[in-house]
C-alpha atoms as a PDB file:
ATOM      1  CA  UNK A   1     -30.491  17.933  21.394  1.00  0.00           C
ATOM      2  CA  UNK A   2     -28.166  19.499  23.905  1.00  0.00           C
ATOM      3  CA  UNK A   3     -29.311  20.159  27.468  1.00  0.00           C
ATOM      4  CA  UNK A   4     -27.650  20.830  30.799  1.00  0.00           C
ATOM      5  CA  UNK A   5     -28.260  18.307  33.593  1.00  0.00           C
ATOM      6  CA  UNK A   6     -30.909  20.444  35.282  1.00  0.00           C
ATOM      7  CA  UNK A   7     -32.816  21.641  32.228  1.00  0.00           C
ATOM      8  CA  UNK A   8     -35.766  20.094  30.395  1.00  0.00           C
ATOM      9  CA  UNK A   9     -36.645  19.495  26.751  1.00  0.00           C
ATOM     10  CA  UNK A  10     -40.201  18.189  26.322  1.00  0.00           C
ATOM     11  CA  UNK A  11     -41.619  17.061  22.965  1.00  0.00           C
ATOM     12  CA  UNK A  12     -45.370  16.379  22.673  1.00  0.00           C
ATOM     13  CA  UNK A  13     -47.139  13.457  21.050  1.00  0.00           C
ATOM     14  CA  UNK A  14     -47.298  13.077  17.256  1.00  0.00           C
ATOM     15  CA  UNK A  15     -44.675  15.776  16.716  1.00  0.00           C
ATOM     16  CA  UNK A  16     -42.455  15.046  13.710  1.00  0.00           C
ATOM     17  CA  UNK A  17     -39.136  16.406  12.457  1.00  0.00           C
ATOM     18  CA  UNK A  18     -37.024  16.194   9.346  1.00  0.00           C
ATOM     19  CA  UNK A  19     -33.208  16.267   9.576  1.00  0.00           C
ATOM     20  CA  UNK A  20     -30.914  18.777  11.283  1.00  0.00           C
ATOM     21  CA  UNK A  21     -33.286  20.040  13.983  1.00  0.00           C
ATOM     22  CA  UNK A  22     -31.169  21.384  16.875  1.00  0.00           C
ATOM     23  CA  UNK A  23     -32.709  22.073  20.274  1.00  0.00           C
ATOM     24  CA  UNK A  24     -30.219  23.481  22.756  1.00  0.00           C
ATOM     25  CA  UNK A  25     -30.170  24.641  26.389  1.00  0.00           C
ATOM     26  CA  UNK A  26     -26.858  25.297  28.104  1.00  0.00           C
ATOM     27  CA  UNK A  27     -28.115  26.734  31.400  1.00  0.00           C
ATOM     28  CA  UNK A  28     -29.709  24.942  34.346  1.00  0.00           C
ATOM     29  CA  UNK A  29     -33.412  25.192  35.234  1.00  0.00           C
ATOM     30  CA  UNK A  30     -34.525  26.170  31.732  1.00  0.00           C
ATOM     31  CA  UNK A  31     -37.221  24.523  29.566  1.00  0.00           C
ATOM     32  CA  UNK A  32     -37.943  24.103  25.908  1.00  0.00           C
ATOM     33  CA  UNK A  33     -41.423  22.680  25.397  1.00  0.00           C
ATOM     34  CA  UNK A  34     -42.922  21.581  22.089  1.00  0.00           C
ATOM     35  CA  UNK A  35     -46.628  20.724  22.043  1.00  0.00           C
ATOM     36  CA  UNK A  36     -48.553  17.918  20.391  1.00  0.00           C
ATOM     37  CA  UNK A  37     -48.907  17.445  16.624  1.00  0.00           C
ATOM     38  CA  UNK A  38     -46.183  19.893  15.618  1.00  0.00           C
ATOM     39  CA  UNK A  39     -44.342  19.512  12.315  1.00  0.00           C
ATOM     40  CA  UNK A  40     -40.721  20.588  11.930  1.00  0.00           C
ATOM     41  CA  UNK A  41     -38.996  20.871   8.573  1.00  0.00           C
ATOM     42  CA  UNK A  42     -35.180  20.708   8.200  1.00  0.00           C
ATOM     43  CA  UNK A  43     -32.414  23.019   9.363  1.00  0.00           C
ATOM     44  CA  UNK A  44     -34.203  24.346  12.439  1.00  0.00           C
ATOM     45  CA  UNK A  45     -32.510  25.819  15.497  1.00  0.00           C
ATOM     46  CA  UNK A  46     -34.216  26.386  18.866  1.00  0.00           C
ATOM     47  CA  UNK A  47     -32.078  28.103  21.502  1.00  0.00           C
ATOM     48  CA  UNK A  48     -33.050  29.018  25.072  1.00  0.00           C
ATOM     49  CA  UNK A  49     -29.867  31.011  25.659  1.00  0.00           C
ATOM     50  CA  UNK A  50     -26.960  32.920  24.235  1.00  0.00           C
ATOM     51  CA  UNK A  51     -23.800  30.840  24.217  1.00  0.00           C
ATOM     52  CA  UNK A  52     -21.551  33.585  25.572  1.00  0.00           C
ATOM     53  CA  UNK A  53     -22.211  35.759  28.588  1.00  0.00           C
ATOM     54  CA  UNK A  54     -22.582  39.524  28.190  1.00  0.00           C
ATOM     55  CA  UNK A  55     -22.049  41.820  31.191  1.00  0.00           C
ATOM     56  CA  UNK A  56     -22.972  45.396  31.982  1.00  0.00           C
ATOM     57  CA  UNK A  57     -19.661  47.231  32.166  1.00  0.00           C
ATOM     58  CA  UNK A  58     -20.618  49.334  35.191  1.00  0.00           C
ATOM     59  CA  UNK A  59     -22.422  46.781  37.357  1.00  0.00           C
ATOM     60  CA  UNK A  60     -20.533  43.694  36.157  1.00  0.00           C
ATOM     61  CA  UNK A  61     -23.903  41.886  36.167  1.00  0.00           C
ATOM     62  CA  UNK A  62     -24.823  39.501  33.398  1.00  0.00           C
ATOM     63  CA  UNK A  63     -27.494  40.944  31.082  1.00  0.00           C
ATOM     64  CA  UNK A  64     -28.231  38.072  28.682  1.00  0.00           C
ATOM     65  CA  UNK A  65     -29.825  35.357  30.802  1.00  0.00           C
ATOM     66  CA  UNK A  66     -31.446  32.257  29.310  1.00  0.00           C
ATOM     67  CA  UNK A  67     -35.241  32.215  28.862  1.00  0.00           C
ATOM     68  CA  UNK A  68     -37.694  29.381  28.309  1.00  0.00           C
ATOM     69  CA  UNK A  69     -39.114  28.560  24.867  1.00  0.00           C
ATOM     70  CA  UNK A  70     -42.616  27.183  24.327  1.00  0.00           C
ATOM     71  CA  UNK A  71     -44.107  26.049  21.048  1.00  0.00           C
ATOM     72  CA  UNK A  72     -47.742  25.189  21.626  1.00  0.00           C
ATOM     73  CA  UNK A  73     -49.841  22.539  19.835  1.00  0.00           C
ATOM     74  CA  UNK A  74     -50.146  22.046  16.065  1.00  0.00           C
ATOM     75  CA  UNK A  75     -47.381  24.424  14.967  1.00  0.00           C
ATOM     76  CA  UNK A  76     -45.679  23.996  11.585  1.00  0.00           C
ATOM     77  CA  UNK A  77     -42.073  25.238  11.593  1.00  0.00           C
ATOM     78  CA  UNK A  78     -40.642  25.850   8.113  1.00  0.00           C
ATOM     79  CA  UNK A  79     -37.205  25.144   6.677  1.00  0.00           C
ATOM     80  CA  UNK A  80     -34.164  27.056   7.973  1.00  0.00           C
ATOM     81  CA  UNK A  81     -36.032  28.677  10.874  1.00  0.00           C
ATOM     82  CA  UNK A  82     -34.483  29.956  14.109  1.00  0.00           C
ATOM     83  CA  UNK A  83     -36.489  30.288  17.329  1.00  0.00           C
ATOM     84  CA  UNK A  84     -34.616  32.182  20.033  1.00  0.00           C
ATOM     85  CA  UNK A  85     -34.838  32.474  23.823  1.00  0.00           C
ATOM     86  CA  UNK A  86     -37.986  33.736  25.516  1.00  0.00           C
ATOM     87  CA  UNK A  87     -40.294  32.903  22.612  1.00  0.00           C
ATOM     88  CA  UNK A  88     -43.769  31.374  22.868  1.00  0.00           C
ATOM     89  CA  UNK A  89     -45.662  30.415  19.706  1.00  0.00           C
ATOM     90  CA  UNK A  90     -49.465  30.029  19.843  1.00  0.00           C
ATOM     91  CA  UNK A  91     -51.520  27.034  18.742  1.00  0.00           C
ATOM     92  CA  UNK A  92     -52.258  26.223  15.081  1.00  0.00           C
ATOM     93  CA  UNK A  93     -49.613  28.584  13.744  1.00  0.00           C
ATOM     94  CA  UNK A  94     -47.070  28.452  10.928  1.00  0.00           C
ATOM     95  CA  UNK A  95     -43.533  29.794  11.068  1.00  0.00           C
ATOM     96  CA  UNK A  96     -42.476  30.455   7.482  1.00  0.00           C
ATOM     97  CA  UNK A  97     -39.236  29.369   5.832  1.00  0.00           C
ATOM     98  CA  UNK A  98     -36.085  31.216   7.009  1.00  0.00           C
ATOM     99  CA  UNK A  99     -37.890  33.116   9.757  1.00  0.00           C
ATOM    100  CA  UNK A 100     -35.960  34.292  12.830  1.00  0.00           C
ATOM    101  CA  UNK A 101     -38.381  34.433  15.774  1.00  0.00           C
ATOM    102  CA  UNK A 102     -37.037  36.823  18.414  1.00  0.00           C
ATOM    103  CA  UNK A 103     -40.201  37.658  20.374  1.00  0.00           C
ATOM    104  CA  UNK A 104     -43.262  35.857  21.719  1.00  0.00           C
ATOM    105  CA  UNK A 105     -46.586  35.477  19.965  1.00  0.00           C
ATOM    106  CA  UNK A 106     -48.179  33.635  22.899  1.00  0.00           C
ATOM    107  CA  UNK A 107     -51.534  35.435  22.781  1.00  0.00           C
ATOM    108  CA  UNK A 108     -51.804  34.882  19.013  1.00  0.00           C
ATOM    109  CA  UNK A 109     -53.142  31.652  17.505  1.00  0.00           C
ATOM    110  CA  UNK A 110     -53.811  30.619  13.908  1.00  0.00           C
ATOM    111  CA  UNK A 111     -51.203  33.004  12.474  1.00  0.00           C
ATOM    112  CA  UNK A 112     -48.373  32.913   9.950  1.00  0.00           C
ATOM    113  CA  UNK A 113     -45.123  34.368  11.294  1.00  0.00           C
ATOM    114  CA  UNK A 114     -42.488  35.325   8.714  1.00  0.00           C
ATOM    115  CA  UNK A 115     -39.364  37.428   8.275  1.00  0.00           C
ATOM    116  CA  UNK A 116     -36.272  38.523  10.159  1.00  0.00           C
ATOM    117  CA  UNK A 117     -37.256  39.390  12.782  1.00  0.00           C
ATOM    118  CA  UNK A 118     -40.456  37.349  12.603  1.00  0.00           C
ATOM    119  CA  UNK A 119     -43.771  39.191  12.549  1.00  0.00           C
ATOM    120  CA  UNK A 120     -47.358  38.184  11.881  1.00  0.00           C
ATOM    121  CA  UNK A 121     -48.116  38.370   8.158  1.00  0.00           C
ATOM    122  CA  UNK A 122     -51.475  36.552   8.128  1.00  0.00           C
ATOM    123  CA  UNK A 123     -54.202  35.771  10.665  1.00  0.00           C
ATOM    124  CA  UNK A 124     -57.087  33.315  10.693  1.00  0.00           C
ATOM    125  CA  UNK A 125     -55.244  30.326   9.208  1.00  0.00           C
ATOM    126  CA  UNK A 126     -54.907  26.656  10.012  1.00  0.00           C
ATOM    127  CA  UNK A 127     -53.002  23.825   8.340  1.00  0.00           C
ATOM    128  CA  UNK A 128     -53.140  20.084   7.668  1.00  0.00           C
ATOM    129  CA  UNK A 129     -50.393  17.550   7.095  1.00  0.00           C
END
C-alpha cells in the first residue's frame, strides 16, 4: 500500500487478499475504502489517482484530479483486475478476471462486472467462499 500522509486506506473485517495487491493514493485528503468480507485474488491494482498531472492548455488548470474509491461489503475481485479512481462497487458483487473498472456501479448490487472497460454482464448473483 502506498498513501500520502493525509490520505486514508481502510480495509474492513474478514477481508482477504492473495499476493501482489497494490492499493495506491498519491494525493492528500483522498480515501480508498474496502468493506467487510471482501475477497481479493492476485495481481490487483486499486488507484485513486493518475500518477502524472494533465492540464488544460488554455486555462492551465489541472483536469485529472484524484477521486475516492469505495468497494462495499462482500465483493470478490478476480485475478489481474484494475479498479481506477472515482469507482464505487456495490455489495455482494463480483469483478471478473482481468476487468478494468473505470466507472462506478454504486447503485448496483449482486452483479458481475467484466471486461475492459468493465460493464455489468449478469445481475441477481451472490457468492460464497
